[in-house]
PDB file of N, CA and C in Angstrom:
ATOM      1  N   MET A   1      53.045  -0.375  33.325  1.00  0.00           N
ATOM      2  CA  MET A   1      51.913  -0.857  33.707  1.00  0.00           C
ATOM      3  C   MET A   1      50.849   0.221  33.270  1.00  0.00           C
ATOM      4  N   GLN A   2      50.053  -0.505  32.782  1.00  0.00           N
ATOM      5  CA  GLN A   2      48.756   0.349  32.488  1.00  0.00           C
ATOM      6  C   GLN A   2      47.472   0.278  32.842  1.00  0.00           C
ATOM      7  N   LYS A   3      46.936   1.276  32.934  1.00  0.00           N
ATOM      8  CA  LYS A   3      45.223   1.416  33.768  1.00  0.00           C
ATOM      9  C   LYS A   3      44.144   2.082  33.171  1.00  0.00           C
ATOM     10  N   LEU A   4      43.097   1.320  32.994  1.00  0.00           N
ATOM     11  CA  LEU A   4      42.272   2.238  31.949  1.00  0.00           C
ATOM     12  C   LEU A   4      41.077   2.596  33.114  1.00  0.00           C
ATOM     13  N   VAL A   5      40.781   3.625  32.771  1.00  0.00           N
ATOM     14  CA  VAL A   5      39.713   4.609  33.735  1.00  0.00           C
ATOM     15  C   VAL A   5      38.776   4.927  33.211  1.00  0.00           C
ATOM     16  N   TYR A   6      37.469   5.182  33.620  1.00  0.00           N
ATOM     17  CA  TYR A   6      36.280   5.725  32.650  1.00  0.00           C
ATOM     18  C   TYR A   6      35.902   6.870  33.520  1.00  0.00           C
ATOM     19  N   LEU A   7      36.011   7.729  32.700  1.00  0.00           N
ATOM     20  CA  LEU A   7      35.192   9.218  33.373  1.00  0.00           C
ATOM     21  C   LEU A   7      33.795   9.422  32.713  1.00  0.00           C
ATOM     22  N   SER A   8      32.775   9.666  33.286  1.00  0.00           N
ATOM     23  CA  SER A   8      31.671  10.338  32.621  1.00  0.00           C
ATOM     24  C   SER A   8      31.153  11.563  33.786  1.00  0.00           C
ATOM     25  N   ASN A   9      30.976  12.664  32.835  1.00  0.00           N
ATOM     26  CA  ASN A   9      30.527  13.683  33.629  1.00  0.00           C
ATOM     27  C   ASN A   9      29.287  14.189  33.413  1.00  0.00           C
ATOM     28  N   SER A  10      28.251  13.624  33.542  1.00  0.00           N
ATOM     29  CA  SER A  10      27.257  14.122  33.552  1.00  0.00           C
ATOM     30  C   SER A  10      26.792  15.194  34.323  1.00  0.00           C
ATOM     31  N   ARG A  11      26.300  16.640  33.376  1.00  0.00           N
ATOM     32  CA  ARG A  11      26.160  17.781  34.279  1.00  0.00           C
ATOM     33  C   ARG A  11      24.971  18.603  33.725  1.00  0.00           C
ATOM     34  N   ASP A  12      24.061  19.412  34.648  1.00  0.00           N
ATOM     35  CA  ASP A  12      23.575  20.295  34.460  1.00  0.00           C
ATOM     36  C   ASP A  12      23.783  21.759  34.325  1.00  0.00           C
ATOM     37  N   TYR A  13      23.206  22.562  33.914  1.00  0.00           N
ATOM     38  CA  TYR A  13      23.717  23.918  33.506  1.00  0.00           C
ATOM     39  C   TYR A  13      23.764  24.808  35.331  1.00  0.00           C
ATOM     40  N   SER A  14      22.970  24.266  35.983  1.00  0.00           N
ATOM     41  CA  SER A  14      22.863  24.773  37.249  1.00  0.00           C
ATOM     42  C   SER A  14      23.854  24.112  37.993  1.00  0.00           C
ATOM     43  N   GLU A  15      24.732  23.215  37.612  1.00  0.00           N
ATOM     44  CA  GLU A  15      25.991  23.165  38.361  1.00  0.00           C
ATOM     45  C   GLU A  15      26.652  24.082  38.894  1.00  0.00           C
ATOM     46  N   GLN A  16      27.310  24.184  40.145  1.00  0.00           N
ATOM     47  CA  GLN A  16      28.530  25.104  40.600  1.00  0.00           C
ATOM     48  C   GLN A  16      29.663  24.704  41.234  1.00  0.00           C
ATOM     49  N   GLY A  17      30.473  25.409  41.014  1.00  0.00           N
ATOM     50  CA  GLY A  17      31.952  25.027  41.892  1.00  0.00           C
ATOM     51  C   GLY A  17      32.520  24.660  41.208  1.00  0.00           C
ATOM     52  N   ASN A  18      34.299  24.386  41.510  1.00  0.00           N
ATOM     53  CA  ASN A  18      34.915  23.821  40.944  1.00  0.00           C
ATOM     54  C   ASN A  18      34.793  22.707  40.747  1.00  0.00           C
ATOM     55  N   ILE A  19      35.423  22.387  38.893  1.00  0.00           N
ATOM     56  CA  ILE A  19      35.285  21.123  38.319  1.00  0.00           C
ATOM     57  C   ILE A  19      35.987  20.126  38.509  1.00  0.00           C
ATOM     58  N   ASN A  20      37.208  20.642  39.195  1.00  0.00           N
ATOM     59  CA  ASN A  20      38.204  19.675  39.838  1.00  0.00           C
ATOM     60  C   ASN A  20      37.683  18.880  40.955  1.00  0.00           C
ATOM     61  N   GLU A  21      36.891  19.444  41.597  1.00  0.00           N
ATOM     62  CA  GLU A  21      35.998  18.699  42.825  1.00  0.00           C
ATOM     63  C   GLU A  21      34.764  17.612  42.499  1.00  0.00           C
ATOM     64  N   ASN A  22      34.657  17.682  41.252  1.00  0.00           N
ATOM     65  CA  ASN A  22      33.776  16.807  40.703  1.00  0.00           C
ATOM     66  C   ASN A  22      34.469  15.443  40.912  1.00  0.00           C
ATOM     67  N   LYS A  23      33.445  14.472  41.325  1.00  0.00           N
ATOM     68  CA  LYS A  23      33.803  13.269  41.677  1.00  0.00           C
ATOM     69  C   LYS A  23      34.246  12.325  40.687  1.00  0.00           C
ATOM     70  N   TYR A  24      34.032  12.544  39.275  1.00  0.00           N
ATOM     71  CA  TYR A  24      34.693  12.109  38.146  1.00  0.00           C
ATOM     72  C   TYR A  24      36.074  12.416  37.893  1.00  0.00           C
ATOM     73  N   PHE A  25      36.396  13.461  38.455  1.00  0.00           N
ATOM     74  CA  PHE A  25      37.608  13.975  38.286  1.00  0.00           C
ATOM     75  C   PHE A  25      38.718  13.703  39.234  1.00  0.00           C
ATOM     76  N   LYS A  26      38.223  13.276  40.409  1.00  0.00           N
ATOM     77  CA  LYS A  26      39.065  13.544  41.645  1.00  0.00           C
ATOM     78  C   LYS A  26      39.772  12.489  41.678  1.00  0.00           C
ATOM     79  N   GLU A  27      39.099  11.086  41.039  1.00  0.00           N
ATOM     80  CA  GLU A  27      40.109   9.915  40.839  1.00  0.00           C
ATOM     81  C   GLU A  27      41.547  10.180  39.866  1.00  0.00           C
ATOM     82  N   ILE A  28      40.823  10.606  38.953  1.00  0.00           N
ATOM     83  CA  ILE A  28      42.199  10.649  38.069  1.00  0.00           C
ATOM     84  C   ILE A  28      42.832  11.852  38.377  1.00  0.00           C
ATOM     85  N   ASN A  29      42.944  12.867  38.745  1.00  0.00           N
ATOM     86  CA  ASN A  29      43.498  13.917  39.159  1.00  0.00           C
ATOM     87  C   ASN A  29      44.709  13.189  40.210  1.00  0.00           C
ATOM     88  N   GLY A  30      43.965  12.417  41.175  1.00  0.00           N
ATOM     89  CA  GLY A  30      44.952  11.690  42.243  1.00  0.00           C
ATOM     90  C   GLY A  30      45.661  11.051  41.676  1.00  0.00           C
ATOM     91  N   LEU A  31      45.560  10.013  40.523  1.00  0.00           N
ATOM     92  CA  LEU A  31      46.263   9.272  39.925  1.00  0.00           C
ATOM     93  C   LEU A  31      47.528   9.919  39.107  1.00  0.00           C
ATOM     94  N   LEU A  32      46.923  10.963  38.545  1.00  0.00           N
ATOM     95  CA  LEU A  32      47.756  11.937  38.015  1.00  0.00           C
ATOM     96  C   LEU A  32      48.922  12.646  38.751  1.00  0.00           C
ATOM     97  N   GLU A  33      48.528  12.768  39.914  1.00  0.00           N
ATOM     98  CA  GLU A  33      49.345  13.175  40.922  1.00  0.00           C
ATOM     99  C   GLU A  33      50.359  12.175  41.385  1.00  0.00           C
ATOM    100  N   GLN A  34      50.072  10.963  41.365  1.00  0.00           N
ATOM    101  CA  GLN A  34      51.061   9.638  41.754  1.00  0.00           C
ATOM    102  C   GLN A  34      51.959   9.523  40.611  1.00  0.00           C
ATOM    103  N   GLY A  35      52.016   9.998  39.578  1.00  0.00           N
ATOM    104  CA  GLY A  35      52.877   9.769  38.399  1.00  0.00           C
ATOM    105  C   GLY A  35      52.078   8.965  37.091  1.00  0.00           C
ATOM    106  N   TRP A  36      50.859   9.113  37.374  1.00  0.00           N
ATOM    107  CA  TRP A  36      50.656   8.193  36.107  1.00  0.00           C
ATOM    108  C   TRP A  36      50.333   9.149  35.014  1.00  0.00           C
ATOM    109  N   LYS A  37      50.718   8.698  33.603  1.00  0.00           N
ATOM    110  CA  LYS A  37      50.446   9.952  32.486  1.00  0.00           C
ATOM    111  C   LYS A  37      49.379   9.139  31.619  1.00  0.00           C
ATOM    112  N   VAL A  38      48.753   9.966  30.874  1.00  0.00           N
ATOM    113  CA  VAL A  38      47.649   9.838  30.157  1.00  0.00           C
ATOM    114  C   VAL A  38      48.431   9.593  28.612  1.00  0.00           C
ATOM    115  N   ALA A  39      48.156   8.025  28.360  1.00  0.00           N
ATOM    116  CA  ALA A  39      48.458   7.713  26.943  1.00  0.00           C
ATOM    117  C   ALA A  39      47.496   7.706  26.142  1.00  0.00           C
ATOM    118  N   HIS A  40      46.224   7.574  26.200  1.00  0.00           N
ATOM    119  CA  HIS A  40      45.312   7.642  25.083  1.00  0.00           C
ATOM    120  C   HIS A  40      43.846   8.199  25.689  1.00  0.00           C
ATOM    121  N   LEU A  41      43.525   9.010  24.845  1.00  0.00           N
ATOM    122  CA  LEU A  41      41.850   9.249  25.453  1.00  0.00           C
ATOM    123  C   LEU A  41      40.903   8.534  24.282  1.00  0.00           C
ATOM    124  N   THR A  42      39.676   8.471  24.674  1.00  0.00           N
ATOM    125  CA  THR A  42      38.930   7.960  23.807  1.00  0.00           C
ATOM    126  C   THR A  42      37.260   8.271  23.915  1.00  0.00           C
ATOM    127  N   PRO A  43      37.189   9.520  23.674  1.00  0.00           N
ATOM    128  CA  PRO A  43      36.217  10.472  23.948  1.00  0.00           C
ATOM    129  C   PRO A  43      34.710  10.333  23.407  1.00  0.00           C
ATOM    130  N   ASN A  44      33.488  10.632  23.930  1.00  0.00           N
ATOM    131  CA  ASN A  44      32.479  10.259  23.483  1.00  0.00           C
ATOM    132  C   ASN A  44      30.972  11.068  24.069  1.00  0.00           C
ATOM    133  N   VAL A  45      30.641  11.820  23.412  1.00  0.00           N
ATOM    134  CA  VAL A  45      29.318  12.691  23.853  1.00  0.00           C
ATOM    135  C   VAL A  45      28.136  11.892  23.850  1.00  0.00           C
ATOM    136  N   VAL A  46      27.628  12.004  25.051  1.00  0.00           N
ATOM    137  CA  VAL A  46      26.221  10.749  24.796  1.00  0.00           C
ATOM    138  C   VAL A  46      25.257  11.608  24.792  1.00  0.00           C
ATOM    139  N   GLU A  47      24.165  11.392  23.718  1.00  0.00           N
ATOM    140  CA  GLU A  47      22.870  12.342  23.357  1.00  0.00           C
ATOM    141  C   GLU A  47      21.937  12.065  24.704  1.00  0.00           C
ATOM    142  N   ILE A  48      21.746  12.922  24.925  1.00  0.00           N
ATOM    143  CA  ILE A  48      20.622  12.928  26.078  1.00  0.00           C
ATOM    144  C   ILE A  48      18.961  13.108  25.750  1.00  0.00           C
ATOM    145  N   ASP A  49      18.288  12.076  26.134  1.00  0.00           N
ATOM    146  CA  ASP A  49      16.750  12.686  25.751  1.00  0.00           C
ATOM    147  C   ASP A  49      15.775  13.163  26.585  1.00  0.00           C
ATOM    148  N   ASN A  50      15.879  14.880  26.231  1.00  0.00           N
ATOM    149  CA  ASN A  50      15.312  15.746  27.174  1.00  0.00           C
ATOM    150  C   ASN A  50      14.085  15.216  27.641  1.00  0.00           C
ATOM    151  N   ASN A  51      13.235  14.249  27.271  1.00  0.00           N
ATOM    152  CA  ASN A  51      11.748  14.548  27.640  1.00  0.00           C
ATOM    153  C   ASN A  51      12.128  13.367  28.739  1.00  0.00           C
ATOM    154  N   GLN A  52      13.143  12.700  29.208  1.00  0.00           N
ATOM    155  CA  GLN A  52      13.069  12.006  30.492  1.00  0.00           C
ATOM    156  C   GLN A  52      13.944  12.723  31.706  1.00  0.00           C
ATOM    157  N   ASN A  53      14.814  13.863  31.444  1.00  0.00           N
ATOM    158  CA  ASN A  53      15.578  14.713  32.201  1.00  0.00           C
ATOM    159  C   ASN A  53      15.602  15.738  31.575  1.00  0.00           C
ATOM    160  N   PRO A  54      14.685  16.712  31.532  1.00  0.00           N
ATOM    161  CA  PRO A  54      14.823  18.093  30.766  1.00  0.00           C
ATOM    162  C   PRO A  54      15.931  19.090  31.556  1.00  0.00           C
ATOM    163  N   THR A  55      16.335  18.591  32.943  1.00  0.00           N
ATOM    164  CA  THR A  55      17.489  19.702  33.547  1.00  0.00           C
ATOM    165  C   THR A  55      18.643  19.138  33.094  1.00  0.00           C
ATOM    166  N   GLN A  56      18.959  17.828  32.449  1.00  0.00           N
ATOM    167  CA  GLN A  56      20.435  17.732  32.263  1.00  0.00           C
ATOM    168  C   GLN A  56      20.616  17.833  30.393  1.00  0.00           C
ATOM    169  N   ARG A  57      21.772  18.888  30.414  1.00  0.00           N
ATOM    170  CA  ARG A  57      22.085  19.125  29.159  1.00  0.00           C
ATOM    171  C   ARG A  57      23.059  18.517  28.455  1.00  0.00           C
ATOM    172  N   GLU A  58      23.941  17.813  29.018  1.00  0.00           N
ATOM    173  CA  GLU A  58      25.068  17.239  28.421  1.00  0.00           C
ATOM    174  C   GLU A  58      25.571  16.061  28.977  1.00  0.00           C
ATOM    175  N   SER A  59      26.199  15.188  28.290  1.00  0.00           N
ATOM    176  CA  SER A  59      26.768  14.064  29.023  1.00  0.00           C
ATOM    177  C   SER A  59      28.017  13.636  28.172  1.00  0.00           C
ATOM    178  N   PHE A  60      28.863  13.639  29.056  1.00  0.00           N
ATOM    179  CA  PHE A  60      30.470  13.589  28.102  1.00  0.00           C
ATOM    180  C   PHE A  60      31.139  12.189  28.744  1.00  0.00           C
ATOM    181  N   ALA A  61      31.333  11.273  28.175  1.00  0.00           N
ATOM    182  CA  ALA A  61      32.175  10.079  28.674  1.00  0.00           C
ATOM    183  C   ALA A  61      33.308   9.683  27.835  1.00  0.00           C
ATOM    184  N   VAL A  62      34.400   9.193  28.750  1.00  0.00           N
ATOM    185  CA  VAL A  62      35.503   9.109  28.064  1.00  0.00           C
ATOM    186  C   VAL A  62      36.681   7.872  28.538  1.00  0.00           C
ATOM    187  N   PHE A  63      37.053   7.151  27.722  1.00  0.00           N
ATOM    188  CA  PHE A  63      37.981   6.014  28.196  1.00  0.00           C
ATOM    189  C   PHE A  63      39.495   6.370  28.002  1.00  0.00           C
ATOM    190  N   VAL A  64      39.833   6.275  29.707  1.00  0.00           N
ATOM    191  CA  VAL A  64      41.281   7.515  29.569  1.00  0.00           C
ATOM    192  C   VAL A  64      42.278   6.214  29.971  1.00  0.00           C
ATOM    193  N   LEU A  65      43.506   5.833  28.995  1.00  0.00           N
ATOM    194  CA  LEU A  65      44.070   4.794  29.101  1.00  0.00           C
ATOM    195  C   LEU A  65      45.690   5.553  30.003  1.00  0.00           C
ATOM    196  N   LEU A  66      45.895   5.111  31.092  1.00  0.00           N
ATOM    197  CA  LEU A  66      47.037   5.943  31.838  1.00  0.00           C
ATOM    198  C   LEU A  66      48.346   4.815  31.958  1.00  0.00           C
ATOM    199  N   GLU A  67      49.579   5.109  31.897  1.00  0.00           N
ATOM    200  CA  GLU A  67      50.685   4.476  32.234  1.00  0.00           C
ATOM    201  C   GLU A  67      51.329   4.881  32.976  1.00  0.00           C
ATOM    202  N   LYS A  68      52.668   3.788  33.697  1.00  0.00           N
ATOM    203  CA  LYS A  68      53.282   4.549  34.670  1.00  0.00           C
ATOM    204  C   LYS A  68      54.284   3.387  34.941  1.00  0.00           C
ATOM    205  N   ASP A  69      55.362   3.595  34.779  1.00  0.00           N
ATOM    206  CA  ASP A  69      56.987   2.792  34.906  1.00  0.00           C
ATOM    207  C   ASP A  69      56.500   2.255  36.069  1.00  0.00           C
ATOM    208  N   GLU A  70      57.109   0.405  36.207  1.00  0.00           N
ATOM    209  CA  GLU A  70      56.749  -0.040  37.043  1.00  0.00           C
ATOM    210  C   GLU A  70      58.064   0.415  38.076  1.00  0.00           C
ATOM    211  N   GLU A  71      57.412   0.326  39.426  1.00  0.00           N
ATOM    212  CA  GLU A  71      58.745   0.409  40.398  1.00  0.00           C
ATOM    213  C   GLU A  71      59.374  -1.124  40.961  1.00  0.00           C
ATOM    214  N   LYS A  72      60.689  -0.662  40.875  1.00  0.00           N
ATOM    215  CA  LYS A  72      61.393  -1.799  41.424  1.00  0.00           C
ATOM    216  C   LYS A  72      61.531  -2.152  42.970  1.00  0.00           C
TER     217      LYS A  72
END
């Protein structure tokens, strides 16, 4: 069985805390704990127009293909 997951991490430099508590990573961490395995990653860095949002410094988006053996 395969599942496609989209992750987006738009962060500014003032964000504090544990990266694993980030809402974008909680879902994929839960799937990995359920036995899903990463089969393929397609990462992209998205350029930010600092004139529109000067506090945002980076945006990273990735499509993650997960696989898991089908349970009988």
